[in-house]
């Protein structure tokens, strides 16, 4: 999947990516925050290895909190910085 995203990003140089690793209601304790960071970093690394520039990738709570799932990192594409 990272290679497909990287190809799309290459064709659309004005786009940015947002990585949302929200862990739902338990996401505020230290253990879950560290797990979230590891997951987001793993997705970021896969995207960078596939050719997405690191400066085009941001992370934070970008997605819909109601759809946040433990163990998932949402990759969101944005036209804004």
PDB file of N, CA and C in Angstrom:
ATOM      1  N   UNK A   1       0.821  -1.183   0.000  1.00  0.00           N
ATOM      2  CA  UNK A   1       0.000   0.000   0.000  1.00  0.00           C
ATOM      3  C   UNK A   1       0.872   1.257   0.000  1.00  0.00           C
ATOM      4  N   UNK A   2       2.002   1.241   0.675  1.00  0.00           N
ATOM      5  CA  UNK A   2       2.869   2.420   0.729  1.00  0.00           C
ATOM      6  C   UNK A   2       3.346   2.812  -0.661  1.00  0.00           C
ATOM      7  N   UNK A   3       3.629   1.846  -1.514  1.00  0.00           N
ATOM      8  CA  UNK A   3       4.102   2.174  -2.859  1.00  0.00           C
ATOM      9  C   UNK A   3       3.012   2.848  -3.683  1.00  0.00           C
ATOM     10  N   UNK A   4       1.763   2.425  -3.507  1.00  0.00           N
ATOM     11  CA  UNK A   4       0.655   3.056  -4.219  1.00  0.00           C
ATOM     12  C   UNK A   4       0.451   4.502  -3.746  1.00  0.00           C
ATOM     13  N   UNK A   5       0.553   4.706  -2.441  1.00  0.00           N
ATOM     14  CA  UNK A   5       0.419   6.061  -1.895  1.00  0.00           C
ATOM     15  C   UNK A   5       1.563   6.934  -2.394  1.00  0.00           C
ATOM     16  N   UNK A   6       2.787   6.400  -2.397  1.00  0.00           N
ATOM     17  CA  UNK A   6       3.945   7.166  -2.869  1.00  0.00           C
ATOM     18  C   UNK A   6       3.786   7.543  -4.341  1.00  0.00           C
ATOM     19  N   UNK A   7       3.282   6.643  -5.164  1.00  0.00           N
ATOM     20  CA  UNK A   7       3.069   6.944  -6.580  1.00  0.00           C
ATOM     21  C   UNK A   7       2.026   8.044  -6.738  1.00  0.00           C
ATOM     22  N   UNK A   8       0.967   7.986  -5.969  1.00  0.00           N
ATOM     23  CA  UNK A   8      -0.073   9.013  -6.016  1.00  0.00           C
ATOM     24  C   UNK A   8       0.483  10.365  -5.585  1.00  0.00           C
ATOM     25  N   UNK A   9       1.271  10.362  -4.532  1.00  0.00           N
ATOM     26  CA  UNK A   9       1.862  11.603  -4.033  1.00  0.00           C
ATOM     27  C   UNK A   9       2.828  12.192  -5.062  1.00  0.00           C
ATOM     28  N   UNK A  10       3.550  11.344  -5.760  1.00  0.00           N
ATOM     29  CA  UNK A  10       4.483  11.819  -6.784  1.00  0.00           C
ATOM     30  C   UNK A  10       3.729  12.517  -7.918  1.00  0.00           C
ATOM     31  N   UNK A  11       2.569  11.994  -8.270  1.00  0.00           N
ATOM     32  CA  UNK A  11       1.752  12.594  -9.327  1.00  0.00           C
ATOM     33  C   UNK A  11       1.048  13.867  -8.861  1.00  0.00           C
ATOM     34  N   UNK A  12       0.972  14.069  -7.562  1.00  0.00           N
ATOM     35  CA  UNK A  12       0.251  15.205  -6.984  1.00  0.00           C
ATOM     36  C   UNK A  12       1.134  15.914  -5.960  1.00  0.00           C
ATOM     37  N   UNK A  13       2.117  16.671  -6.419  1.00  0.00           N
ATOM     38  CA  UNK A  13       3.123  17.248  -5.524  1.00  0.00           C
ATOM     39  C   UNK A  13       2.599  18.291  -4.529  1.00  0.00           C
ATOM     40  N   UNK A  14       1.394  18.793  -4.713  1.00  0.00           N
ATOM     41  CA  UNK A  14       0.866  19.788  -3.774  1.00  0.00           C
ATOM     42  C   UNK A  14       0.185  19.145  -2.563  1.00  0.00           C
ATOM     43  N   UNK A  15       0.016  17.843  -2.583  1.00  0.00           N
ATOM     44  CA  UNK A  15      -0.687  17.161  -1.490  1.00  0.00           C
ATOM     45  C   UNK A  15       0.226  16.887  -0.304  1.00  0.00           C
ATOM     46  N   UNK A  16      -0.394  16.764   0.847  1.00  0.00           N
ATOM     47  CA  UNK A  16       0.274  16.410   2.103  1.00  0.00           C
ATOM     48  C   UNK A  16      -0.400  15.156   2.662  1.00  0.00           C
ATOM     49  N   UNK A  17       0.313  14.441   3.507  1.00  0.00           N
ATOM     50  CA  UNK A  17      -0.265  13.283   4.196  1.00  0.00           C
ATOM     51  C   UNK A  17      -0.385  13.569   5.681  1.00  0.00           C
ATOM     52  N   UNK A  18      -1.443  13.078   6.277  1.00  0.00           N
ATOM     53  CA  UNK A  18      -1.616  13.116   7.719  1.00  0.00           C
ATOM     54  C   UNK A  18      -1.721  11.699   8.239  1.00  0.00           C
ATOM     55  N   UNK A  19      -0.965  11.376   9.252  1.00  0.00           N
ATOM     56  CA  UNK A  19      -1.026  10.059   9.880  1.00  0.00           C
ATOM     57  C   UNK A  19      -1.712  10.203  11.224  1.00  0.00           C
ATOM     58  N   UNK A  20      -2.819   9.511  11.381  1.00  0.00           N
ATOM     59  CA  UNK A  20      -3.590   9.563  12.625  1.00  0.00           C
ATOM     60  C   UNK A  20      -3.563   8.176  13.252  1.00  0.00           C
ATOM     61  N   UNK A  21      -2.857   8.078  14.356  1.00  0.00           N
ATOM     62  CA  UNK A  21      -2.757   6.806  15.066  1.00  0.00           C
ATOM     63  C   UNK A  21      -3.562   6.796  16.343  1.00  0.00           C
ATOM     64  N   UNK A  22      -4.652   7.528  16.358  1.00  0.00           N
ATOM     65  CA  UNK A  22      -5.488   7.597  17.558  1.00  0.00           C
ATOM     66  C   UNK A  22      -5.840   6.198  18.037  1.00  0.00           C
ATOM     67  N   UNK A  23      -5.852   6.030  19.330  1.00  0.00           N
ATOM     68  CA  UNK A  23      -6.134   4.712  19.908  1.00  0.00           C
ATOM     69  C   UNK A  23      -7.460   4.689  20.638  1.00  0.00           C
ATOM     70  N   UNK A  24      -8.360   5.556  20.262  1.00  0.00           N
ATOM     71  CA  UNK A  24      -9.678   5.559  20.898  1.00  0.00           C
ATOM     72  C   UNK A  24      -9.606   6.127  22.299  1.00  0.00           C
ATOM     73  N   UNK A  25     -10.561   5.772  23.141  1.00  0.00           N
ATOM     74  CA  UNK A  25     -10.660   6.376  24.470  1.00  0.00           C
ATOM     75  C   UNK A  25      -9.499   6.073  25.408  1.00  0.00           C
ATOM     76  N   UNK A  26      -8.721   5.021  25.105  1.00  0.00           N
ATOM     77  CA  UNK A  26      -7.601   4.678  25.989  1.00  0.00           C
ATOM     78  C   UNK A  26      -6.311   5.348  25.567  1.00  0.00           C
ATOM     79  N   UNK A  27      -6.345   6.189  24.552  1.00  0.00           N
ATOM     80  CA  UNK A  27      -5.136   6.715  23.944  1.00  0.00           C
ATOM     81  C   UNK A  27      -4.343   7.718  24.737  1.00  0.00           C
ATOM     82  N   UNK A  28      -4.758   8.032  25.942  1.00  0.00           N
ATOM     83  CA  UNK A  28      -4.057   9.082  26.681  1.00  0.00           C
ATOM     84  C   UNK A  28      -3.081   8.556  27.721  1.00  0.00           C
ATOM     85  N   UNK A  29      -3.112   7.271  28.045  1.00  0.00           N
ATOM     86  CA  UNK A  29      -2.135   6.787  29.005  1.00  0.00           C
ATOM     87  C   UNK A  29      -0.802   6.536  28.297  1.00  0.00           C
ATOM     88  N   UNK A  30       0.247   6.473  29.077  1.00  0.00           N
ATOM     89  CA  UNK A  30       1.603   6.394  28.526  1.00  0.00           C
ATOM     90  C   UNK A  30       1.803   5.179  27.636  1.00  0.00           C
ATOM     91  N   UNK A  31       1.327   4.023  28.067  1.00  0.00           N
ATOM     92  CA  UNK A  31       1.524   2.793  27.294  1.00  0.00           C
ATOM     93  C   UNK A  31       0.890   2.909  25.912  1.00  0.00           C
ATOM     94  N   UNK A  32      -0.318   3.411  25.832  1.00  0.00           N
ATOM     95  CA  UNK A  32      -0.999   3.521  24.547  1.00  0.00           C
ATOM     96  C   UNK A  32      -0.415   4.646  23.695  1.00  0.00           C
ATOM     97  N   UNK A  33       0.042   5.694  24.315  1.00  0.00           N
ATOM     98  CA  UNK A  33       0.667   6.789  23.572  1.00  0.00           C
ATOM     99  C   UNK A  33       1.966   6.295  22.912  1.00  0.00           C
ATOM    100  N   UNK A  34       2.756   5.516  23.644  1.00  0.00           N
ATOM    101  CA  UNK A  34       3.998   4.982  23.079  1.00  0.00           C
ATOM    102  C   UNK A  34       3.711   4.003  21.943  1.00  0.00           C
ATOM    103  N   UNK A  35       2.685   3.179  22.109  1.00  0.00           N
ATOM    104  CA  UNK A  35       2.299   2.232  21.060  1.00  0.00           C
ATOM    105  C   UNK A  35       1.841   2.992  19.818  1.00  0.00           C
ATOM    106  N   UNK A  36       1.051   4.035  20.011  1.00  0.00           N
ATOM    107  CA  UNK A  36       0.602   4.877  18.902  1.00  0.00           C
ATOM    108  C   UNK A  36       1.792   5.461  18.158  1.00  0.00           C
ATOM    109  N   UNK A  37       2.756   5.984  18.899  1.00  0.00           N
ATOM    110  CA  UNK A  37       3.937   6.583  18.278  1.00  0.00           C
ATOM    111  C   UNK A  37       4.728   5.556  17.473  1.00  0.00           C
ATOM    112  N   UNK A  38       4.876   4.348  17.994  1.00  0.00           N
ATOM    113  CA  UNK A  38       5.589   3.292  17.256  1.00  0.00           C
ATOM    114  C   UNK A  38       4.862   2.945  15.961  1.00  0.00           C
ATOM    115  N   UNK A  39       3.546   2.835  16.036  1.00  0.00           N
ATOM    116  CA  UNK A  39       2.767   2.511  14.833  1.00  0.00           C
ATOM    117  C   UNK A  39       2.868   3.624  13.791  1.00  0.00           C
ATOM    118  N   UNK A  40       2.694   4.862  14.223  1.00  0.00           N
ATOM    119  CA  UNK A  40       2.779   5.985  13.291  1.00  0.00           C
ATOM    120  C   UNK A  40       4.173   6.057  12.678  1.00  0.00           C
ATOM    121  N   UNK A  41       5.208   5.868  13.478  1.00  0.00           N
ATOM    122  CA  UNK A  41       6.576   5.903  12.957  1.00  0.00           C
ATOM    123  C   UNK A  41       6.834   4.785  11.958  1.00  0.00           C
ATOM    124  N   UNK A  42       6.253   3.608  12.187  1.00  0.00           N
ATOM    125  CA  UNK A  42       6.420   2.492  11.255  1.00  0.00           C
ATOM    126  C   UNK A  42       5.756   2.810   9.913  1.00  0.00           C
ATOM    127  N   UNK A  43       4.577   3.403   9.950  1.00  0.00           N
ATOM    128  CA  UNK A  43       3.894   3.783   8.711  1.00  0.00           C
ATOM    129  C   UNK A  43       4.678   4.889   8.011  1.00  0.00           C
ATOM    130  N   UNK A  44       5.147   5.883   8.781  1.00  0.00           N
ATOM    131  CA  UNK A  44       5.948   6.964   8.205  1.00  0.00           C
ATOM    132  C   UNK A  44       7.186   6.390   7.513  1.00  0.00           C
ATOM    133  N   UNK A  45       7.880   5.496   8.174  1.00  0.00           N
ATOM    134  CA  UNK A  45       9.098   4.903   7.604  1.00  0.00           C
ATOM    135  C   UNK A  45       8.784   4.146   6.311  1.00  0.00           C
ATOM    136  N   UNK A  46       7.692   3.403   6.284  1.00  0.00           N
ATOM    137  CA  UNK A  46       7.309   2.676   5.066  1.00  0.00           C
ATOM    138  C   UNK A  46       7.022   3.652   3.926  1.00  0.00           C
ATOM    139  N   UNK A  47       6.355   4.756   4.232  1.00  0.00           N
ATOM    140  CA  UNK A  47       6.053   5.755   3.200  1.00  0.00           C
ATOM    141  C   UNK A  47       7.326   6.435   2.692  1.00  0.00           C
ATOM    142  N   UNK A  48       8.220   6.770   3.598  1.00  0.00           N
ATOM    143  CA  UNK A  48       9.493   7.398   3.206  1.00  0.00           C
ATOM    144  C   UNK A  48      10.306   6.420   2.355  1.00  0.00           C
ATOM    145  N   UNK A  49      10.373   5.168   2.768  1.00  0.00           N
ATOM    146  CA  UNK A  49      11.103   4.160   1.990  1.00  0.00           C
ATOM    147  C   UNK A  49      10.501   3.984   0.603  1.00  0.00           C
ATOM    148  N   UNK A  50       9.189   4.203   0.491  1.00  0.00           N
ATOM    149  CA  UNK A  50       8.504   4.074  -0.798  1.00  0.00           C
ATOM    150  C   UNK A  50       8.662   5.317  -1.666  1.00  0.00           C
ATOM    151  N   UNK A  51       9.209   6.410  -1.089  1.00  0.00           N
ATOM    152  CA  UNK A  51       9.494   7.586  -1.883  1.00  0.00           C
ATOM    153  C   UNK A  51       8.775   8.867  -1.505  1.00  0.00           C
ATOM    154  N   UNK A  52       7.981   8.856  -0.434  1.00  0.00           N
ATOM    155  CA  UNK A  52       7.314  10.081   0.014  1.00  0.00           C
ATOM    156  C   UNK A  52       8.297  10.879   0.867  1.00  0.00           C
ATOM    157  N   UNK A  53       8.441  12.154   0.557  1.00  0.00           N
ATOM    158  CA  UNK A  53       9.332  13.014   1.329  1.00  0.00           C
ATOM    159  C   UNK A  53       8.794  13.172   2.754  1.00  0.00           C
ATOM    160  N   UNK A  54       9.664  13.039   3.720  1.00  0.00           N
ATOM    161  CA  UNK A  54       9.279  13.132   5.129  1.00  0.00           C
ATOM    162  C   UNK A  54       8.605  14.465   5.464  1.00  0.00           C
ATOM    163  N   UNK A  55       9.001  15.542   4.769  1.00  0.00           N
ATOM    164  CA  UNK A  55       8.410  16.853   5.067  1.00  0.00           C
ATOM    165  C   UNK A  55       6.973  16.989   4.555  1.00  0.00           C
ATOM    166  N   UNK A  56       6.496  16.008   3.820  1.00  0.00           N
ATOM    167  CA  UNK A  56       5.102  16.010   3.353  1.00  0.00           C
ATOM    168  C   UNK A  56       4.206  15.165   4.245  1.00  0.00           C
ATOM    169  N   UNK A  57       4.758  14.664   5.342  1.00  0.00           N
ATOM    170  CA  UNK A  57       4.008  13.799   6.248  1.00  0.00           C
ATOM    171  C   UNK A  57       3.920  14.456   7.619  1.00  0.00           C
ATOM    172  N   UNK A  58       2.720  14.648   8.089  1.00  0.00           N
ATOM    173  CA  UNK A  58       2.469  15.179   9.434  1.00  0.00           C
ATOM    174  C   UNK A  58       1.735  14.101  10.228  1.00  0.00           C
ATOM    175  N   UNK A  59       1.802  14.193  11.550  1.00  0.00           N
ATOM    176  CA  UNK A  59       0.998  13.268  12.339  1.00  0.00           C
ATOM    177  C   UNK A  59       0.242  14.027  13.420  1.00  0.00           C
ATOM    178  N   UNK A  60      -0.853  13.459  13.808  1.00  0.00           N
ATOM    179  CA  UNK A  60      -1.711  14.081  14.803  1.00  0.00           C
ATOM    180  C   UNK A  60      -3.107  13.495  14.743  1.00  0.00           C
ATOM    181  N   UNK A  61      -4.016  14.056  15.493  1.00  0.00           N
ATOM    182  CA  UNK A  61      -5.398  13.563  15.489  1.00  0.00           C
ATOM    183  C   UNK A  61      -6.197  14.218  14.356  1.00  0.00           C
ATOM    184  N   UNK A  62      -5.997  13.757  13.130  1.00  0.00           N
ATOM    185  CA  UNK A  62      -6.626  14.365  11.965  1.00  0.00           C
ATOM    186  C   UNK A  62      -7.965  13.748  11.614  1.00  0.00           C
ATOM    187  N   UNK A  63      -8.120  12.460  11.871  1.00  0.00           N
ATOM    188  CA  UNK A  63      -9.312  11.744  11.433  1.00  0.00           C
ATOM    189  C   UNK A  63     -10.490  11.935  12.364  1.00  0.00           C
ATOM    190  N   UNK A  64     -11.547  11.248  12.053  1.00  0.00           N
ATOM    191  CA  UNK A  64     -12.768  11.276  12.841  1.00  0.00           C
ATOM    192  C   UNK A  64     -12.557  10.417  14.083  1.00  0.00           C
ATOM    193  N   UNK A  65     -12.644  11.021  15.253  1.00  0.00           N
ATOM    194  CA  UNK A  65     -12.414  10.299  16.515  1.00  0.00           C
ATOM    195  C   UNK A  65     -13.388   9.142  16.688  1.00  0.00           C
ATOM    196  N   UNK A  66     -14.575   9.254  16.124  1.00  0.00           N
ATOM    197  CA  UNK A  66     -15.566   8.175  16.220  1.00  0.00           C
ATOM    198  C   UNK A  66     -15.128   6.937  15.440  1.00  0.00           C
ATOM    199  N   UNK A  67     -14.255   7.125  14.449  1.00  0.00           N
ATOM    200  CA  UNK A  67     -13.807   5.997  13.642  1.00  0.00           C
ATOM    201  C   UNK A  67     -12.430   5.482  14.056  1.00  0.00           C
ATOM    202  N   UNK A  68     -11.844   6.063  15.077  1.00  0.00           N
ATOM    203  CA  UNK A  68     -10.522   5.629  15.552  1.00  0.00           C
ATOM    204  C   UNK A  68     -10.612   4.191  16.049  1.00  0.00           C
ATOM    205  N   UNK A  69      -9.662   3.391  15.648  1.00  0.00           N
ATOM    206  CA  UNK A  69      -9.623   1.984  16.035  1.00  0.00           C
ATOM    207  C   UNK A  69      -8.251   1.663  16.619  1.00  0.00           C
ATOM    208  N   UNK A  70      -8.245   0.975  17.725  1.00  0.00           N
ATOM    209  CA  UNK A  70      -6.977   0.520  18.282  1.00  0.00           C
ATOM    210  C   UNK A  70      -6.236  -0.299  17.243  1.00  0.00           C
ATOM    211  N   UNK A  71      -4.953  -0.042  17.117  1.00  0.00           N
ATOM    212  CA  UNK A  71      -4.116  -0.842  16.238  1.00  0.00           C
ATOM    213  C   UNK A  71      -4.063  -0.360  14.807  1.00  0.00           C
ATOM    214  N   UNK A  72      -4.771   0.711  14.475  1.00  0.00           N
ATOM    215  CA  UNK A  72      -4.772   1.193  13.100  1.00  0.00           C
ATOM    216  C   UNK A  72      -4.180   2.596  13.034  1.00  0.00           C
ATOM    217  N   UNK A  73      -3.529   2.853  11.912  1.00  0.00           N
ATOM    218  CA  UNK A  73      -3.069   4.197  11.604  1.00  0.00           C
ATOM    219  C   UNK A  73      -3.809   4.612  10.337  1.00  0.00           C
ATOM    220  N   UNK A  74      -4.545   5.708  10.416  1.00  0.00           N
ATOM    221  CA  UNK A  74      -5.240   6.231   9.261  1.00  0.00           C
ATOM    222  C   UNK A  74      -4.280   7.122   8.483  1.00  0.00           C
ATOM    223  N   UNK A  75      -4.271   6.948   7.162  1.00  0.00           N
ATOM    224  CA  UNK A  75      -3.474   7.797   6.289  1.00  0.00           C
ATOM    225  C   UNK A  75      -4.460   8.693   5.562  1.00  0.00           C
ATOM    226  N   UNK A  76      -4.336   9.994   5.805  1.00  0.00           N
ATOM    227  CA  UNK A  76      -5.253  10.970   5.229  1.00  0.00           C
ATOM    228  C   UNK A  76      -4.494  11.862   4.252  1.00  0.00           C
ATOM    229  N   UNK A  77      -5.097  12.138   3.123  1.00  0.00           N
ATOM    230  CA  UNK A  77      -4.490  12.985   2.107  1.00  0.00           C
ATOM    231  C   UNK A  77      -5.164  14.333   2.157  1.00  0.00           C
ATOM    232  N   UNK A  78      -4.339  15.388   2.146  1.00  0.00           N
ATOM    233  CA  UNK A  78      -4.849  16.736   2.295  1.00  0.00           C
ATOM    234  C   UNK A  78      -4.272  17.672   1.236  1.00  0.00           C
ATOM    235  N   UNK A  79      -5.075  18.650   0.842  1.00  0.00           N
ATOM    236  CA  UNK A  79      -4.602  19.663  -0.079  1.00  0.00           C
ATOM    237  C   UNK A  79      -4.064  20.872   0.657  1.00  0.00           C
ATOM    238  N   UNK A  80      -4.262  20.918   1.974  1.00  0.00           N
ATOM    239  CA  UNK A  80      -3.793  22.067   2.765  1.00  0.00           C
ATOM    240  C   UNK A  80      -2.539  21.710   3.526  1.00  0.00           C
ATOM    241  N   UNK A  81      -1.785  22.718   3.909  1.00  0.00           N
ATOM    242  CA  UNK A  81      -0.555  22.505   4.685  1.00  0.00           C
ATOM    243  C   UNK A  81      -0.882  22.442   6.110  1.00  0.00           C
TER     244      UNK A  81
END
